[in-house]
């Protein structure tokens, strides 16, 4: 797995790795539509860089989730692996 320091990954790719969207295209569409915030700021660019420690707010699938990026991931793995990529901040 990747370290979450200075390295980064595209936001659409990270959302896909974290299994928040089934495909990168769906993730990119959600970003472009304004359903994603990065560190509290609206984000409309799928290529926006995400780093460890960033906060990603996802409004999708009928709910809003606030996540802290823990790891960037290298692939879209099983759900158990995807769950290690973030800490859920919503209750």
N, C-alpha and C. Protein backbone atom coordinates (compact mmCIF):
# COMPACT_ATOMS: atom_id res chain seq x y z
N UNK A 1 0.83 -1.19 0.00
CA UNK A 1 0.00 0.00 0.00
C UNK A 1 0.88 1.25 0.00
N UNK A 2 0.30 2.32 -0.47
CA UNK A 2 1.02 3.59 -0.57
C UNK A 2 1.02 4.30 0.77
N UNK A 3 2.01 5.11 0.96
CA UNK A 3 2.06 5.98 2.12
C UNK A 3 1.21 7.20 1.84
N UNK A 4 0.66 7.82 2.86
CA UNK A 4 -0.20 8.97 2.67
C UNK A 4 0.49 10.30 2.81
N UNK A 5 1.81 10.39 2.69
CA UNK A 5 2.54 11.64 2.89
C UNK A 5 2.42 12.59 1.74
N UNK A 6 3.55 12.93 1.14
CA UNK A 6 3.57 13.92 0.06
C UNK A 6 3.01 13.35 -1.23
N UNK A 7 3.03 12.04 -1.37
CA UNK A 7 2.51 11.42 -2.58
C UNK A 7 1.01 11.68 -2.69
N UNK A 8 0.50 11.58 -3.89
CA UNK A 8 -0.92 11.81 -4.09
C UNK A 8 -1.48 10.88 -5.14
N UNK A 9 -2.79 10.92 -5.27
CA UNK A 9 -3.49 10.10 -6.25
C UNK A 9 -4.70 10.91 -6.72
N UNK A 10 -5.15 10.66 -7.93
CA UNK A 10 -6.34 11.34 -8.45
C UNK A 10 -7.54 11.03 -7.56
N UNK A 11 -8.38 12.02 -7.34
CA UNK A 11 -9.55 11.84 -6.49
C UNK A 11 -10.48 10.76 -7.02
N UNK A 12 -10.74 10.74 -8.32
CA UNK A 12 -11.64 9.72 -8.86
C UNK A 12 -11.07 8.32 -8.66
N UNK A 13 -9.78 8.20 -8.78
CA UNK A 13 -9.13 6.90 -8.58
C UNK A 13 -9.22 6.45 -7.12
N UNK A 14 -8.99 7.39 -6.20
CA UNK A 14 -9.07 7.04 -4.78
C UNK A 14 -10.49 6.63 -4.40
N UNK A 15 -11.49 7.35 -4.88
CA UNK A 15 -12.88 7.00 -4.59
C UNK A 15 -13.21 5.60 -5.09
N UNK A 16 -12.65 5.24 -6.24
CA UNK A 16 -12.85 3.91 -6.80
C UNK A 16 -12.12 2.86 -5.95
N UNK A 17 -10.87 3.13 -5.59
CA UNK A 17 -10.11 2.20 -4.73
C UNK A 17 -10.81 1.98 -3.40
N UNK A 18 -11.41 3.04 -2.85
CA UNK A 18 -12.09 2.95 -1.55
C UNK A 18 -13.48 2.32 -1.67
N UNK A 19 -13.85 1.92 -2.88
CA UNK A 19 -15.11 1.25 -3.16
C UNK A 19 -16.33 2.11 -2.83
N UNK A 20 -16.18 3.42 -2.99
CA UNK A 20 -17.30 4.33 -2.78
C UNK A 20 -18.13 4.45 -4.06
N UNK A 21 -17.49 4.13 -5.20
CA UNK A 21 -18.17 4.09 -6.49
C UNK A 21 -17.71 2.84 -7.23
N UNK A 22 -18.61 2.25 -7.98
CA UNK A 22 -18.34 1.00 -8.69
C UNK A 22 -17.29 1.18 -9.79
N UNK A 23 -17.28 2.36 -10.44
CA UNK A 23 -16.32 2.62 -11.51
C UNK A 23 -15.70 3.99 -11.33
N UNK A 24 -14.55 4.20 -11.96
CA UNK A 24 -13.93 5.53 -11.93
C UNK A 24 -14.79 6.53 -12.67
N UNK A 25 -15.49 6.09 -13.71
CA UNK A 25 -16.36 6.99 -14.46
C UNK A 25 -17.48 7.51 -13.56
N UNK A 26 -18.09 6.64 -12.76
CA UNK A 26 -19.13 7.08 -11.83
C UNK A 26 -18.57 8.04 -10.80
N UNK A 27 -17.37 7.77 -10.32
CA UNK A 27 -16.71 8.67 -9.36
C UNK A 27 -16.46 10.03 -10.01
N UNK A 28 -15.94 10.02 -11.24
CA UNK A 28 -15.66 11.27 -11.95
C UNK A 28 -16.94 12.06 -12.19
N UNK A 29 -18.02 11.36 -12.54
CA UNK A 29 -19.31 12.02 -12.76
C UNK A 29 -19.82 12.68 -11.47
N UNK A 30 -19.67 12.00 -10.34
CA UNK A 30 -20.10 12.55 -9.05
C UNK A 30 -19.28 13.79 -8.69
N UNK A 31 -17.99 13.74 -8.98
CA UNK A 31 -17.11 14.90 -8.71
C UNK A 31 -17.55 16.07 -9.59
N UNK A 32 -17.71 15.83 -10.88
CA UNK A 32 -18.09 16.88 -11.82
C UNK A 32 -19.45 17.48 -11.48
N UNK A 33 -20.35 16.67 -10.93
CA UNK A 33 -21.69 17.14 -10.57
C UNK A 33 -21.71 17.92 -9.26
N UNK A 34 -20.58 17.96 -8.54
CA UNK A 34 -20.51 18.72 -7.29
C UNK A 34 -20.86 17.94 -6.05
N UNK A 35 -20.87 16.62 -6.14
CA UNK A 35 -21.24 15.79 -4.99
C UNK A 35 -20.08 15.45 -4.06
N UNK A 36 -18.90 16.00 -4.34
CA UNK A 36 -17.71 15.68 -3.55
C UNK A 36 -17.04 16.97 -3.08
N UNK A 37 -16.63 16.99 -1.81
CA UNK A 37 -15.84 18.11 -1.28
C UNK A 37 -14.49 17.55 -0.83
N UNK A 38 -13.46 18.34 -1.03
CA UNK A 38 -12.11 17.98 -0.60
C UNK A 38 -11.64 19.03 0.40
N UNK A 39 -11.40 18.60 1.61
CA UNK A 39 -11.00 19.49 2.70
C UNK A 39 -12.00 20.64 2.87
N UNK A 40 -13.28 20.32 2.72
CA UNK A 40 -14.34 21.30 2.93
C UNK A 40 -14.66 22.16 1.72
N UNK A 41 -13.87 22.07 0.67
CA UNK A 41 -14.07 22.90 -0.51
C UNK A 41 -14.71 22.09 -1.63
N UNK A 42 -15.69 22.69 -2.34
CA UNK A 42 -16.27 21.98 -3.48
C UNK A 42 -15.18 21.61 -4.48
N UNK A 43 -15.29 20.44 -5.04
CA UNK A 43 -14.30 19.96 -5.99
C UNK A 43 -15.02 19.46 -7.22
N UNK A 44 -14.65 19.96 -8.39
CA UNK A 44 -15.30 19.54 -9.63
C UNK A 44 -14.32 18.93 -10.62
N UNK A 45 -13.09 18.67 -10.17
CA UNK A 45 -12.09 18.10 -11.06
C UNK A 45 -11.73 16.68 -10.62
N UNK A 46 -12.05 15.68 -11.44
CA UNK A 46 -11.70 14.31 -11.09
C UNK A 46 -10.20 14.10 -10.91
N UNK A 47 -9.38 14.92 -11.57
CA UNK A 47 -7.93 14.76 -11.48
C UNK A 47 -7.33 15.47 -10.26
N UNK A 48 -8.17 16.07 -9.43
CA UNK A 48 -7.68 16.73 -8.21
C UNK A 48 -6.86 15.74 -7.40
N UNK A 49 -5.72 16.17 -6.89
CA UNK A 49 -4.82 15.30 -6.13
C UNK A 49 -5.31 15.15 -4.69
N UNK A 50 -5.31 13.92 -4.19
CA UNK A 50 -5.67 13.60 -2.80
C UNK A 50 -4.43 13.06 -2.12
N UNK A 51 -4.24 13.45 -0.86
CA UNK A 51 -3.09 12.99 -0.07
C UNK A 51 -3.58 12.45 1.26
N UNK A 52 -2.74 11.69 1.91
CA UNK A 52 -3.06 11.21 3.25
C UNK A 52 -3.35 12.37 4.17
N UNK A 53 -4.37 12.24 5.00
CA UNK A 53 -4.76 13.30 5.93
C UNK A 53 -5.86 14.20 5.40
N UNK A 54 -6.09 14.18 4.07
CA UNK A 54 -7.17 14.98 3.49
C UNK A 54 -8.52 14.48 3.98
N UNK A 55 -9.50 15.37 3.97
CA UNK A 55 -10.87 15.01 4.31
C UNK A 55 -11.70 15.06 3.04
N UNK A 56 -12.41 13.98 2.76
CA UNK A 56 -13.25 13.87 1.57
C UNK A 56 -14.70 13.70 2.05
N UNK A 57 -15.57 14.61 1.59
CA UNK A 57 -16.99 14.52 1.90
C UNK A 57 -17.69 14.02 0.64
N UNK A 58 -18.40 12.91 0.78
CA UNK A 58 -19.05 12.26 -0.36
C UNK A 58 -20.56 12.28 -0.15
N UNK A 59 -21.27 12.90 -1.08
CA UNK A 59 -22.72 12.89 -1.08
C UNK A 59 -23.16 11.99 -2.22
N UNK A 60 -23.53 10.76 -1.87
CA UNK A 60 -23.91 9.78 -2.89
C UNK A 60 -24.71 8.66 -2.25
N UNK A 61 -25.50 8.00 -3.05
CA UNK A 61 -26.26 6.83 -2.61
C UNK A 61 -27.20 7.17 -1.45
N UNK A 62 -27.74 8.40 -1.45
CA UNK A 62 -28.72 8.80 -0.45
C UNK A 62 -28.15 9.15 0.91
N UNK A 63 -26.84 9.33 1.01
CA UNK A 63 -26.26 9.71 2.29
C UNK A 63 -25.02 10.55 2.10
N UNK A 64 -24.61 11.21 3.17
CA UNK A 64 -23.39 12.03 3.16
C UNK A 64 -22.40 11.37 4.11
N UNK A 65 -21.19 11.16 3.61
CA UNK A 65 -20.14 10.55 4.43
C UNK A 65 -18.93 11.48 4.44
N UNK A 66 -18.34 11.64 5.62
CA UNK A 66 -17.11 12.42 5.76
C UNK A 66 -16.00 11.44 6.11
N UNK A 67 -14.96 11.42 5.27
CA UNK A 67 -13.88 10.44 5.41
C UNK A 67 -12.52 11.12 5.48
N UNK A 68 -11.65 10.62 6.35
CA UNK A 68 -10.27 11.09 6.38
C UNK A 68 -9.43 10.06 5.64
N UNK A 69 -8.65 10.52 4.67
CA UNK A 69 -7.80 9.64 3.87
C UNK A 69 -6.65 9.14 4.74
N UNK A 70 -6.56 7.82 4.90
CA UNK A 70 -5.50 7.20 5.68
C UNK A 70 -4.42 6.64 4.76
N UNK A 71 -4.85 6.05 3.65
CA UNK A 71 -3.93 5.44 2.70
C UNK A 71 -4.46 5.68 1.29
N UNK A 72 -3.58 5.68 0.32
CA UNK A 72 -3.98 5.96 -1.06
C UNK A 72 -4.40 4.70 -1.81
N UNK A 73 -3.85 3.58 -1.45
CA UNK A 73 -4.18 2.33 -2.14
C UNK A 73 -3.50 2.25 -3.49
N UNK A 74 -3.30 1.04 -3.96
CA UNK A 74 -2.66 0.82 -5.26
C UNK A 74 -3.61 0.15 -6.25
N UNK A 75 -4.74 -0.34 -5.72
CA UNK A 75 -5.69 -1.05 -6.58
C UNK A 75 -7.05 -1.05 -5.91
N UNK A 76 -8.04 -1.48 -6.65
CA UNK A 76 -9.37 -1.67 -6.08
C UNK A 76 -9.43 -3.11 -5.57
N UNK A 77 -9.23 -3.27 -4.29
CA UNK A 77 -9.22 -4.59 -3.70
C UNK A 77 -10.56 -4.93 -3.07
N UNK A 78 -10.59 -5.98 -2.26
CA UNK A 78 -11.82 -6.36 -1.58
C UNK A 78 -12.26 -5.29 -0.57
N UNK A 79 -13.51 -5.35 -0.15
CA UNK A 79 -14.07 -4.35 0.76
C UNK A 79 -13.25 -4.21 2.04
N UNK A 80 -12.73 -5.32 2.55
CA UNK A 80 -11.94 -5.25 3.78
C UNK A 80 -10.67 -4.42 3.57
N UNK A 81 -10.07 -4.55 2.39
CA UNK A 81 -8.88 -3.76 2.07
C UNK A 81 -9.26 -2.30 1.84
N UNK A 82 -10.37 -2.06 1.16
CA UNK A 82 -10.82 -0.69 0.88
C UNK A 82 -11.11 0.07 2.17
N UNK A 83 -11.64 -0.61 3.16
CA UNK A 83 -11.99 0.04 4.43
C UNK A 83 -10.76 0.56 5.17
N UNK A 84 -9.57 0.06 4.84
CA UNK A 84 -8.34 0.54 5.50
C UNK A 84 -7.83 1.83 4.87
N UNK A 85 -8.45 2.29 3.79
CA UNK A 85 -8.00 3.50 3.11
C UNK A 85 -8.52 4.79 3.76
N UNK A 86 -9.48 4.67 4.66
CA UNK A 86 -10.07 5.87 5.26
C UNK A 86 -10.60 5.59 6.66
N UNK A 87 -10.75 6.69 7.42
CA UNK A 87 -11.45 6.67 8.70
C UNK A 87 -12.77 7.39 8.49
N UNK A 88 -13.86 6.79 8.91
CA UNK A 88 -15.18 7.40 8.80
C UNK A 88 -15.35 8.42 9.91
N UNK A 89 -15.62 9.67 9.57
CA UNK A 89 -15.77 10.73 10.56
C UNK A 89 -17.23 11.05 10.86
N UNK A 90 -18.15 10.52 10.02
CA UNK A 90 -19.58 10.76 10.25
C UNK A 90 -20.09 9.73 11.26
N UNK A 91 -21.12 10.13 11.96
CA UNK A 91 -21.69 9.21 12.97
C UNK A 91 -23.00 8.66 12.49
